[in-house]
Protein backbone atom coordinates (compact mmCIF):
# COMPACT_ATOMS: atom_id res chain seq x y z
CA MET A 1 -19.40 -14.30 -40.42
CA ASN A 2 -19.52 -10.74 -41.72
CA PHE A 3 -17.34 -7.64 -41.84
CA LYS A 4 -18.92 -6.04 -38.77
CA GLU A 5 -18.21 -9.12 -36.65
CA ILE A 6 -14.60 -9.39 -37.86
CA ASP A 7 -14.00 -5.66 -37.45
CA GLU A 8 -15.34 -5.70 -33.89
CA ALA A 9 -13.15 -8.71 -33.06
CA ARG A 10 -9.97 -7.04 -34.31
CA ARG A 11 -10.82 -3.89 -32.36
CA ILE A 12 -11.36 -5.87 -29.15
CA LEU A 13 -7.90 -7.36 -29.60
CA GLY A 14 -6.47 -3.92 -30.33
CA LEU A 15 -5.36 -4.77 -33.86
CA GLY A 16 -5.06 -2.47 -36.85
CA GLU A 17 -6.70 -3.13 -40.19
CA THR A 18 -4.04 -5.69 -41.06
CA ALA A 19 -2.36 -8.26 -38.84
CA THR A 20 -0.39 -11.45 -39.12
CA MET A 21 -1.42 -14.64 -37.35
CA LYS A 22 1.46 -14.06 -34.97
CA GLU A 23 0.19 -10.56 -34.13
CA ILE A 24 -3.33 -11.87 -33.52
CA LYS A 25 -2.05 -14.59 -31.20
CA ASN A 26 0.27 -12.22 -29.35
CA ALA A 27 -2.51 -9.66 -28.84
CA TYR A 28 -4.83 -12.36 -27.51
CA ARG A 29 -2.19 -13.76 -25.16
CA ARG A 30 -1.21 -10.33 -23.86
CA LEU A 31 -4.80 -9.22 -23.23
CA SER A 32 -6.00 -12.52 -21.81
CA HIS A 33 -3.07 -12.57 -19.41
CA HIS A 34 -3.88 -9.02 -18.34
CA HIS A 35 -7.64 -9.58 -17.95
CA HIS A 36 -7.66 -13.14 -16.62
CA PRO A 37 -10.01 -13.41 -13.60
CA ASP A 38 -7.35 -15.20 -11.54
CA LYS A 39 -5.11 -12.12 -11.94
CA ASN A 40 -7.86 -9.60 -11.09
CA ASP A 41 -9.57 -10.55 -7.84
CA SER A 42 -11.01 -7.08 -7.27
CA ALA A 43 -12.85 -6.94 -10.59
CA ASN A 44 -13.78 -10.59 -11.05
CA GLU A 45 -17.14 -10.01 -12.82
CA LYS A 46 -15.61 -7.44 -15.14
CA SER A 47 -12.65 -9.75 -15.84
CA ASN A 48 -14.98 -12.65 -16.64
CA GLU A 49 -16.90 -10.50 -19.10
CA MET A 50 -13.73 -9.24 -20.75
CA MET A 51 -12.37 -12.78 -21.07
CA LYS A 52 -15.59 -13.83 -22.81
CA LYS A 53 -15.17 -10.95 -25.27
CA LEU A 54 -11.51 -11.78 -25.87
CA ASN A 55 -12.23 -15.48 -26.40
CA ARG A 56 -15.07 -14.70 -28.81
CA ALA A 57 -12.95 -12.16 -30.72
CA TYR A 58 -10.05 -14.61 -30.98
CA LYS A 59 -12.34 -17.38 -32.21
CA VAL A 60 -13.91 -15.10 -34.85
CA LEU A 61 -10.50 -14.06 -36.19
CA MET A 62 -9.10 -17.59 -36.13
CA ASP A 63 -12.16 -18.91 -37.97
CA TYR A 64 -11.82 -16.15 -40.56
CA CYS A 65 -8.08 -16.78 -41.01
CA ASN A 66 -8.53 -20.55 -41.22
CA GLU A 67 -11.10 -20.14 -43.99
CA TYR A 68 -9.07 -17.54 -45.89
CA ARG A 69 -7.92 -18.70 -49.31
CA TYR A 70 -4.26 -17.83 -49.92
CA SER A 71 -2.90 -17.15 -53.37
CA PHE A 72 0.29 -18.84 -54.52
CA ARG A 73 0.41 -17.00 -57.85
CA GLN A 74 3.70 -15.26 -58.56
CA GLU A 75 2.13 -11.82 -59.07
CA ASP A 76 0.33 -12.03 -55.72
CA ILE A 77 3.44 -13.18 -53.88
CA THR A 78 5.43 -10.36 -55.49
CA LYS A 79 2.85 -7.85 -54.21
CA VAL A 80 3.29 -9.14 -50.66
CA HIS A 81 7.09 -9.43 -50.84
CA PRO A 82 8.28 -6.82 -53.37
CA GLY A 83 11.95 -6.88 -54.22
CA GLU A 84 12.61 -10.48 -53.24
CA ASP A 85 12.59 -11.63 -56.85
CA ASP A 86 15.04 -8.84 -57.71
CA PHE A 87 17.30 -9.94 -54.86
CA ARG A 88 17.11 -13.59 -55.90
CA THR A 89 17.95 -12.69 -59.51
CA TRP A 90 20.92 -10.56 -58.41
CA HIS A 91 22.00 -13.20 -55.88
CA ASP A 92 21.84 -16.04 -58.42
CA LYS A 93 23.67 -14.07 -61.11
CA TRP A 94 26.39 -13.01 -58.67
CA PHE A 95 27.02 -16.57 -57.49
CA ASP A 96 26.89 -17.91 -61.07
CA SER A 97 29.70 -15.53 -62.00
CA ILE A 98 32.05 -16.89 -59.32
């Protein structure tokens, strides 16, 4: 799996350069529902081809995400969720003072 393959897959699903698993799944569901051959009798061959592309794109992104190594280090979590530690500190201090 390489960048070109992953980039093409995210473009097929209409995703930006970042996406959550939920966004990937929702994009796949929305597009596969729209392009499903049973829903598009007039363009059956085109629908079949698009479904193959969507299925391949979804598989590529799911494989990439399933192999992704997540960091559980505090500094990395703070980068993803800035301000939460500040809120927790304020929240804990406020409740400790009651």
